C-alpha atoms as a PDB file:
ATOM      1  CA  UNK A   1      82.134 101.030 117.556  1.00  0.00           C
ATOM      2  CA  UNK A   2      80.660 104.522 117.580  1.00  0.00           C
ATOM      3  CA  UNK A   3      84.051 105.980 116.653  1.00  0.00           C
ATOM      4  CA  UNK A   4      84.223 103.693 113.609  1.00  0.00           C
ATOM      5  CA  UNK A   5      80.714 104.665 112.476  1.00  0.00           C
ATOM      6  CA  UNK A   6      81.479 108.370 112.870  1.00  0.00           C
ATOM      7  CA  UNK A   7      84.746 108.001 110.932  1.00  0.00           C
ATOM      8  CA  UNK A   8      83.065 106.128 108.085  1.00  0.00           C
ATOM      9  CA  UNK A   9      80.170 108.596 107.879  1.00  0.00           C
ATOM     10  CA  UNK A  10      82.518 111.592 107.986  1.00  0.00           C
ATOM     11  CA  UNK A  11      84.749 110.213 105.236  1.00  0.00           C
ATOM     12  CA  UNK A  12      81.799 109.299 103.004  1.00  0.00           C
ATOM     13  CA  UNK A  13      80.318 112.784 103.445  1.00  0.00           C
ATOM     14  CA  UNK A  14      83.690 114.468 102.853  1.00  0.00           C
ATOM     15  CA  UNK A  15      84.342 112.621  99.614  1.00  0.00           C
ATOM     16  CA  UNK A  16      80.740 112.830  98.418  1.00  0.00           C
ATOM     17  CA  UNK A  17      80.862 116.601  98.793  1.00  0.00           C
ATOM     18  CA  UNK A  18      84.323 116.692  97.217  1.00  0.00           C
ATOM     19  CA  UNK A  19      83.219 114.545  94.275  1.00  0.00           C
ATOM     20  CA  UNK A  20      80.174 116.717  93.578  1.00  0.00           C
ATOM     21  CA  UNK A  21      82.162 119.948  93.818  1.00  0.00           C
ATOM     22  CA  UNK A  22      84.987 118.465  91.756  1.00  0.00           C
ATOM     23  CA  UNK A  23      82.610 117.436  89.003  1.00  0.00           C
ATOM     24  CA  UNK A  24      80.999 120.887  88.976  1.00  0.00           C
ATOM     25  CA  UNK A  25      84.353 122.655  88.912  1.00  0.00           C
ATOM     26  CA  UNK A  26      85.738 120.412  86.167  1.00  0.00           C
ATOM     27  CA  UNK A  27      82.771 121.108  83.893  1.00  0.00           C
ATOM     28  CA  UNK A  28      83.120 124.838  84.512  1.00  0.00           C
ATOM     29  CA  UNK A  29      86.838 124.750  83.746  1.00  0.00           C
ATOM     30  CA  UNK A  30      86.294 122.870  80.490  1.00  0.00           C
ATOM     31  CA  UNK A  31      83.733 125.473  79.404  1.00  0.00           C
ATOM     32  CA  UNK A  32      85.712 128.560  80.415  1.00  0.00           C
ATOM     33  CA  UNK A  33      89.142 127.362  79.322  1.00  0.00           C
ATOM     34  CA  UNK A  34      92.178 126.141  81.266  1.00  0.00           C
ATOM     35  CA  UNK A  35      95.451 128.075  81.352  1.00  0.00           C
ATOM     36  CA  UNK A  36      98.582 127.349  83.404  1.00  0.00           C
ATOM     37  CA  UNK A  37      97.485 129.472  86.366  1.00  0.00           C
ATOM     38  CA  UNK A  38      94.091 127.754  86.549  1.00  0.00           C
ATOM     39  CA  UNK A  39      95.572 124.274  86.259  1.00  0.00           C
ATOM     40  CA  UNK A  40      98.269 124.888  88.871  1.00  0.00           C
ATOM     41  CA  UNK A  41      95.659 126.272  91.257  1.00  0.00           C
ATOM     42  CA  UNK A  42      93.559 123.157  90.656  1.00  0.00           C
ATOM     43  CA  UNK A  43      96.556 120.937  91.426  1.00  0.00           C
ATOM     44  CA  UNK A  44      97.262 122.888  94.617  1.00  0.00           C
ATOM     45  CA  UNK A  45      93.699 122.438  95.850  1.00  0.00           C
ATOM     46  CA  UNK A  46      93.882 118.678  95.234  1.00  0.00           C
ATOM     47  CA  UNK A  47      97.255 118.381  96.939  1.00  0.00           C
ATOM     48  CA  UNK A  48      96.304 120.248 100.098  1.00  0.00           C
ATOM     49  CA  UNK A  49      92.683 119.081 100.430  1.00  0.00           C
ATOM     50  CA  UNK A  50      93.575 115.379 100.214  1.00  0.00           C
ATOM     51  CA  UNK A  51      95.768 115.643 103.298  1.00  0.00           C
ATOM     52  CA  UNK A  52      92.932 117.003 105.469  1.00  0.00           C
ATOM     53  CA  UNK A  53      91.200 113.644 106.108  1.00  0.00           C
ATOM     54  CA  UNK A  54      94.524 111.797 106.296  1.00  0.00           C
ATOM     55  CA  UNK A  55      95.861 114.114 108.997  1.00  0.00           C
ATOM     56  CA  UNK A  56      92.560 113.671 110.869  1.00  0.00           C
ATOM     57  CA  UNK A  57      92.973 109.888 110.574  1.00  0.00           C
ATOM     58  CA  UNK A  58      96.521 110.056 111.930  1.00  0.00           C
ATOM     59  CA  UNK A  59      95.312 112.108 114.905  1.00  0.00           C
ATOM     60  CA  UNK A  60      92.554 109.571 115.611  1.00  0.00           C
ATOM     61  CA  UNK A  61      95.089 106.734 115.462  1.00  0.00           C
ATOM     62  CA  UNK A  62      97.283 108.598 117.953  1.00  0.00           C
ATOM     63  CA  UNK A  63      94.442 108.765 120.495  1.00  0.00           C
ATOM     64  CA  UNK A  64      92.559 105.515 119.867  1.00  0.00           C
ATOM     65  CA  UNK A  65      93.060 101.768 119.671  1.00  0.00           C
ATOM     66  CA  UNK A  66      93.363 101.857 115.890  1.00  0.00           C
ATOM     67  CA  UNK A  67      96.886 101.119 114.673  1.00  0.00           C
ATOM     68  CA  UNK A  68      98.686 101.895 111.429  1.00  0.00           C
ATOM     69  CA  UNK A  69      98.783  98.155 110.763  1.00  0.00           C
ATOM     70  CA  UNK A  70      94.966  98.150 110.825  1.00  0.00           C
ATOM     71  CA  UNK A  71      94.875 100.533 107.857  1.00  0.00           C
ATOM     72  CA  UNK A  72      97.470  98.726 105.779  1.00  0.00           C
ATOM     73  CA  UNK A  73     100.861  99.877 107.013  1.00  0.00           C
ATOM     74  CA  UNK A  74     102.157  96.389 107.659  1.00  0.00           C
ATOM     75  CA  UNK A  75     105.101  94.350 106.327  1.00  0.00           C
ATOM     76  CA  UNK A  76     104.558  92.547 103.043  1.00  0.00           C
ATOM     77  CA  UNK A  77     103.170  89.095 103.814  1.00  0.00           C
ATOM     78  CA  UNK A  78     101.972  87.221 100.681  1.00  0.00           C
ATOM     79  CA  UNK A  79      99.982  84.707 102.725  1.00  0.00           C
ATOM     80  CA  UNK A  80      97.287  83.870 100.151  1.00  0.00           C
ATOM     81  CA  UNK A  81      97.133  81.138  97.524  1.00  0.00           C
ATOM     82  CA  UNK A  82     100.450  80.906  95.681  1.00  0.00           C
ATOM     83  CA  UNK A  83      98.924  80.855  92.185  1.00  0.00           C
ATOM     84  CA  UNK A  84      96.705  83.881  92.829  1.00  0.00           C
ATOM     85  CA  UNK A  85      99.607  85.751  94.393  1.00  0.00           C
ATOM     86  CA  UNK A  86     101.907  85.024  91.453  1.00  0.00           C
ATOM     87  CA  UNK A  87      99.291  86.078  88.879  1.00  0.00           C
ATOM     88  CA  UNK A  88      98.567  89.365  90.661  1.00  0.00           C
ATOM     89  CA  UNK A  89     102.250  90.143  91.197  1.00  0.00           C
ATOM     90  CA  UNK A  90     103.056  89.436  87.544  1.00  0.00           C
ATOM     91  CA  UNK A  91     100.257  91.811  86.515  1.00  0.00           C
ATOM     92  CA  UNK A  92     101.597  94.430  88.943  1.00  0.00           C
ATOM     93  CA  UNK A  93     105.109  93.991  87.546  1.00  0.00           C
ATOM     94  CA  UNK A  94     103.921  94.337  83.950  1.00  0.00           C
ATOM     95  CA  UNK A  95     101.930  97.469  84.795  1.00  0.00           C
ATOM     96  CA  UNK A  96     104.972  98.978  86.509  1.00  0.00           C
ATOM     97  CA  UNK A  97     107.128  98.189  83.470  1.00  0.00           C
ATOM     98  CA  UNK A  98     104.519  99.812  81.220  1.00  0.00           C
ATOM     99  CA  UNK A  99     104.513 103.025  83.284  1.00  0.00           C
ATOM    100  CA  UNK A 100     108.313 103.131  83.397  1.00  0.00           C
ATOM    101  CA  UNK A 101     108.459 102.521  79.647  1.00  0.00           C
ATOM    102  CA  UNK A 102     106.258 105.571  79.041  1.00  0.00           C
ATOM    103  CA  UNK A 103     108.523 107.719  81.189  1.00  0.00           C
ATOM    104  CA  UNK A 104     111.801 106.455  79.697  1.00  0.00           C
ATOM    105  CA  UNK A 105     110.539 106.584  76.101  1.00  0.00           C
ATOM    106  CA  UNK A 106     109.386 110.162  76.649  1.00  0.00           C
ATOM    107  CA  UNK A 107     112.787 111.175  78.036  1.00  0.00           C
ATOM    108  CA  UNK A 108     114.955 109.562  75.341  1.00  0.00           C
ATOM    109  CA  UNK A 109     112.855 109.648  72.159  1.00  0.00           C
ATOM    110  CA  UNK A 110     111.828 112.833  70.363  1.00  0.00           C
ATOM    111  CA  UNK A 111     109.746 110.710  67.997  1.00  0.00           C
ATOM    112  CA  UNK A 112     107.792 109.238  70.915  1.00  0.00           C
ATOM    113  CA  UNK A 113     107.220 112.702  72.408  1.00  0.00           C
ATOM    114  CA  UNK A 114     105.870 113.967  69.107  1.00  0.00           C
ATOM    115  CA  UNK A 115     103.670 110.901  68.741  1.00  0.00           C
ATOM    116  CA  UNK A 116     102.133 111.440  72.188  1.00  0.00           C
ATOM    117  CA  UNK A 117     101.663 115.153  71.523  1.00  0.00           C
ATOM    118  CA  UNK A 118      99.842 114.483  68.242  1.00  0.00           C
ATOM    119  CA  UNK A 119      97.650 111.832  69.863  1.00  0.00           C
ATOM    120  CA  UNK A 120      96.658 114.091  72.761  1.00  0.00           C
ATOM    121  CA  UNK A 121      96.094 117.095  70.503  1.00  0.00           C
ATOM    122  CA  UNK A 122      93.707 115.004  68.390  1.00  0.00           C
ATOM    123  CA  UNK A 123      91.839 113.804  71.487  1.00  0.00           C
ATOM    124  CA  UNK A 124      91.564 117.378  72.742  1.00  0.00           C
ATOM    125  CA  UNK A 125      89.748 118.309  69.533  1.00  0.00           C
ATOM    126  CA  UNK A 126      87.122 115.579  69.966  1.00  0.00           C
ATOM    127  CA  UNK A 127      83.904 115.420  71.960  1.00  0.00           C
ATOM    128  CA  UNK A 128      84.695 112.523  74.287  1.00  0.00           C
ATOM    129  CA  UNK A 129      84.303 113.959  77.795  1.00  0.00           C
ATOM    130  CA  UNK A 130      86.884 111.685  79.415  1.00  0.00           C
ATOM    131  CA  UNK A 131      89.462 112.546  76.734  1.00  0.00           C
ATOM    132  CA  UNK A 132      88.841 116.245  77.283  1.00  0.00           C
ATOM    133  CA  UNK A 133      89.356 115.916  81.034  1.00  0.00           C
ATOM    134  CA  UNK A 134      92.465 113.809  80.469  1.00  0.00           C
ATOM    135  CA  UNK A 135      94.051 116.095  77.883  1.00  0.00           C
ATOM    136  CA  UNK A 136      93.119 119.490  79.262  1.00  0.00           C
ATOM    137  CA  UNK A 137      93.201 118.947  83.019  1.00  0.00           C
ATOM    138  CA  UNK A 138      95.027 115.729  83.937  1.00  0.00           C
ATOM    139  CA  UNK A 139      97.978 116.107  81.566  1.00  0.00           C
ATOM    140  CA  UNK A 140     100.480 118.725  82.778  1.00  0.00           C
ATOM    141  CA  UNK A 141     102.319 120.571  80.010  1.00  0.00           C
ATOM    142  CA  UNK A 142     104.377 123.455  81.423  1.00  0.00           C
ATOM    143  CA  UNK A 143     107.239 123.159  83.919  1.00  0.00           C
ATOM    144  CA  UNK A 144     105.122 124.620  86.717  1.00  0.00           C
ATOM    145  CA  UNK A 145     102.238 122.260  85.967  1.00  0.00           C
ATOM    146  CA  UNK A 146     104.562 119.263  85.961  1.00  0.00           C
ATOM    147  CA  UNK A 147     106.139 120.249  89.273  1.00  0.00           C
ATOM    148  CA  UNK A 148     102.723 120.493  90.892  1.00  0.00           C
ATOM    149  CA  UNK A 149     101.588 117.292  89.196  1.00  0.00           C
ATOM    150  CA  UNK A 150     104.364 115.493  91.063  1.00  0.00           C
ATOM    151  CA  UNK A 151     102.737 116.751  94.275  1.00  0.00           C
ATOM    152  CA  UNK A 152      99.324 115.615  93.061  1.00  0.00           C
ATOM    153  CA  UNK A 153     100.679 112.176  92.150  1.00  0.00           C
ATOM    154  CA  UNK A 154     102.458 111.679  95.459  1.00  0.00           C
ATOM    155  CA  UNK A 155      99.494 112.990  97.445  1.00  0.00           C
ATOM    156  CA  UNK A 156      96.852 110.892  95.699  1.00  0.00           C
ATOM    157  CA  UNK A 157      99.117 107.835  95.761  1.00  0.00           C
ATOM    158  CA  UNK A 158      99.484 108.079  99.519  1.00  0.00           C
ATOM    159  CA  UNK A 159      96.190 109.617 100.618  1.00  0.00           C
ATOM    160  CA  UNK A 160      93.768 107.757  98.357  1.00  0.00           C
ATOM    161  CA  UNK A 161      95.325 104.428  99.251  1.00  0.00           C
ATOM    162  CA  UNK A 162      95.250 105.163 102.967  1.00  0.00           C
ATOM    163  CA  UNK A 163      91.589 106.175 102.737  1.00  0.00           C
ATOM    164  CA  UNK A 164      90.041 103.957 100.074  1.00  0.00           C
ATOM    165  CA  UNK A 165      92.123 100.793 100.423  1.00  0.00           C
ATOM    166  CA  UNK A 166      93.187 101.114 104.048  1.00  0.00           C
ATOM    167  CA  UNK A 167      90.653 102.975 106.187  1.00  0.00           C
ATOM    168  CA  UNK A 168      87.447 102.254 104.250  1.00  0.00           C
ATOM    169  CA  UNK A 169      88.127  98.527 104.098  1.00  0.00           C
ATOM    170  CA  UNK A 170      89.044  98.433 107.789  1.00  0.00           C
ATOM    171  CA  UNK A 171      85.962 100.406 108.873  1.00  0.00           C
ATOM    172  CA  UNK A 172      83.468  98.560 106.661  1.00  0.00           C
ATOM    173  CA  UNK A 173      84.800  95.180 107.820  1.00  0.00           C
ATOM    174  CA  UNK A 174      84.563  96.221 111.494  1.00  0.00           C
ATOM    175  CA  UNK A 175      81.125  97.842 111.282  1.00  0.00           C
ATOM    176  CA  UNK A 176      79.629  95.097 109.101  1.00  0.00           C
ATOM    177  CA  UNK A 177      81.381  91.900 110.262  1.00  0.00           C
ATOM    178  CA  UNK A 178      78.932  89.611 108.438  1.00  0.00           C
ATOM    179  CA  UNK A 179      79.930  90.923 105.006  1.00  0.00           C
ATOM    180  CA  UNK A 180      82.259  88.744 102.965  1.00  0.00           C
ATOM    181  CA  UNK A 181      85.745  90.090 102.356  1.00  0.00           C
ATOM    182  CA  UNK A 182      84.970  90.337  98.638  1.00  0.00           C
ATOM    183  CA  UNK A 183      81.914  92.495  99.254  1.00  0.00           C
ATOM    184  CA  UNK A 184      83.903  94.717 101.615  1.00  0.00           C
ATOM    185  CA  UNK A 185      86.507  95.289  98.921  1.00  0.00           C
ATOM    186  CA  UNK A 186      83.796  95.792  96.296  1.00  0.00           C
ATOM    187  CA  UNK A 187      82.185  98.565  98.351  1.00  0.00           C
ATOM    188  CA  UNK A 188      85.562 100.253  98.789  1.00  0.00           C
ATOM    189  CA  UNK A 189      86.179 100.016  95.026  1.00  0.00           C
ATOM    190  CA  UNK A 190      82.797 101.610  94.277  1.00  0.00           C
ATOM    191  CA  UNK A 191      83.517 104.447  96.709  1.00  0.00           C
ATOM    192  CA  UNK A 192      86.919 104.958  95.074  1.00  0.00           C
ATOM    193  CA  UNK A 193      85.323 105.073  91.639  1.00  0.00           C
ATOM    194  CA  UNK A 194      82.583 107.505  92.669  1.00  0.00           C
ATOM    195  CA  UNK A 195      85.255 109.827  94.021  1.00  0.00           C
ATOM    196  CA  UNK A 196      86.359 110.283  90.401  1.00  0.00           C
ATOM    197  CA  UNK A 197      82.949 111.184  88.998  1.00  0.00           C
ATOM    198  CA  UNK A 198      84.468 114.340  87.515  1.00  0.00           C
ATOM    199  CA  UNK A 199      85.989 112.107  84.821  1.00  0.00           C
ATOM    200  CA  UNK A 200      82.560 111.131  83.487  1.00  0.00           C
ATOM    201  CA  UNK A 201      81.100 107.659  82.866  1.00  0.00           C
ATOM    202  CA  UNK A 202      84.163 106.280  81.074  1.00  0.00           C
ATOM    203  CA  UNK A 203      86.369 107.574  83.857  1.00  0.00           C
ATOM    204  CA  UNK A 204      84.211 105.882  86.491  1.00  0.00           C
ATOM    205  CA  UNK A 205      84.611 102.522  84.775  1.00  0.00           C
ATOM    206  CA  UNK A 206      88.367 102.884  84.254  1.00  0.00           C
ATOM    207  CA  UNK A 207      88.845 104.065  87.834  1.00  0.00           C
ATOM    208  CA  UNK A 208      86.828 101.114  89.147  1.00  0.00           C
ATOM    209  CA  UNK A 209      89.019  98.712  87.164  1.00  0.00           C
ATOM    210  CA  UNK A 210      92.181 100.349  88.483  1.00  0.00           C
ATOM    211  CA  UNK A 211      90.710 100.303  91.988  1.00  0.00           C
ATOM    212  CA  UNK A 212      90.010  96.578  91.671  1.00  0.00           C
ATOM    213  CA  UNK A 213      93.549  95.969  90.432  1.00  0.00           C
ATOM    214  CA  UNK A 214      95.091  97.906  93.317  1.00  0.00           C
ATOM    215  CA  UNK A 215      92.769  96.132  95.758  1.00  0.00           C
ATOM    216  CA  UNK A 216      94.003  92.789  94.428  1.00  0.00           C
ATOM    217  CA  UNK A 217      97.613  93.851  95.008  1.00  0.00           C
ATOM    218  CA  UNK A 218      96.676  94.945  98.535  1.00  0.00           C
ATOM    219  CA  UNK A 219      94.966  91.600  99.230  1.00  0.00           C
ATOM    220  CA  UNK A 220      97.864  89.433  98.103  1.00  0.00           C
ATOM    221  CA  UNK A 221     100.602  91.597  99.656  1.00  0.00           C
ATOM    222  CA  UNK A 222      98.799  92.380 102.916  1.00  0.00           C
ATOM    223  CA  UNK A 223     100.232  95.894 102.814  1.00  0.00           C
ATOM    224  CA  UNK A 224      99.705  99.306 101.225  1.00  0.00           C
ATOM    225  CA  UNK A 225     103.398  99.680 100.418  1.00  0.00           C
ATOM    226  CA  UNK A 226     103.300  98.281  96.877  1.00  0.00           C
ATOM    227  CA  UNK A 227      99.878  99.785  96.218  1.00  0.00           C
ATOM    228  CA  UNK A 228     100.981 103.317  97.108  1.00  0.00           C
ATOM    229  CA  UNK A 229     104.058 103.007  94.890  1.00  0.00           C
ATOM    230  CA  UNK A 230     101.982 101.747  91.938  1.00  0.00           C
ATOM    231  CA  UNK A 231      99.320 104.419  92.394  1.00  0.00           C
ATOM    232  CA  UNK A 232     101.954 107.166  92.486  1.00  0.00           C
ATOM    233  CA  UNK A 233     103.763 105.847  89.407  1.00  0.00           C
ATOM    234  CA  UNK A 234     100.513 105.479  87.448  1.00  0.00           C
ATOM    235  CA  UNK A 235      99.576 109.107  88.051  1.00  0.00           C
ATOM    236  CA  UNK A 236     103.096 110.521  87.759  1.00  0.00           C
ATOM    237  CA  UNK A 237     103.512 108.932  84.310  1.00  0.00           C
ATOM    238  CA  UNK A 238     100.992 111.511  83.045  1.00  0.00           C
ATOM    239  CA  UNK A 239     103.702 114.143  83.409  1.00  0.00           C
ATOM    240  CA  UNK A 240     105.498 112.345  80.583  1.00  0.00           C
ATOM    241  CA  UNK A 241     102.640 112.410  78.097  1.00  0.00           C
ATOM    242  CA  UNK A 242     103.155 115.878  76.620  1.00  0.00           C
ATOM    243  CA  UNK A 243     106.356 117.786  75.767  1.00  0.00           C
ATOM    244  CA  UNK A 244     107.062 120.688  78.106  1.00  0.00           C
ATOM    245  CA  UNK A 245     105.686 123.925  76.693  1.00  0.00           C
ATOM    246  CA  UNK A 246     105.919 127.592  77.650  1.00  0.00           C
ATOM    247  CA  UNK A 247     103.026 129.052  79.692  1.00  0.00           C
ATOM    248  CA  UNK A 248     100.127 130.174  77.518  1.00  0.00           C
END
């Protein structure tokens, strides 16, 4: 039990510190300006730093009674109520189709690319904090930015799901066995949302909704496999929001 408490405390502290520093850095970047070099460096930091706790988790699993199945690496099961399962899977399918549509439309339609560029350029001129973060930091534009964004998307898809959907839910349920499964998932969703505080209030709400959606997919499937794939695709689709430009 002590190992579980230490793991939970360490992860909460790690991501609390990371969220605070990320928020501070994001605000500084928006004030000072963001060029290709700055954005790529930001993507590199995200990519490498996210693997630190995951590697630590893998090492703990190797030398403890915790298994990969405990943190969500299990075969797809679909053991819950049929109606709930069908509804969640249909929603997951529609979201996947939406993300793929954005990617395909971007690749085949010059009109769509121009439409997205105009929309993002207009948002970048506004005062909405979330839109500024989205347009200036979370939307890669040059070839180098897009290559590193693939790494960010893959890393966050894998690492955030392992930590926030897999490990957090497992640890909270073990440490607090009297909590209902819904409350356990709710706590994990809140932690996931707070980890994205750098996106501002609107970003916290949107992240919480996405976290709840991914949690629902995890619940009905009994595995992180689909959740990781959806998380990756959701983030990676941002690379197809803005036509590739030359470095500034």
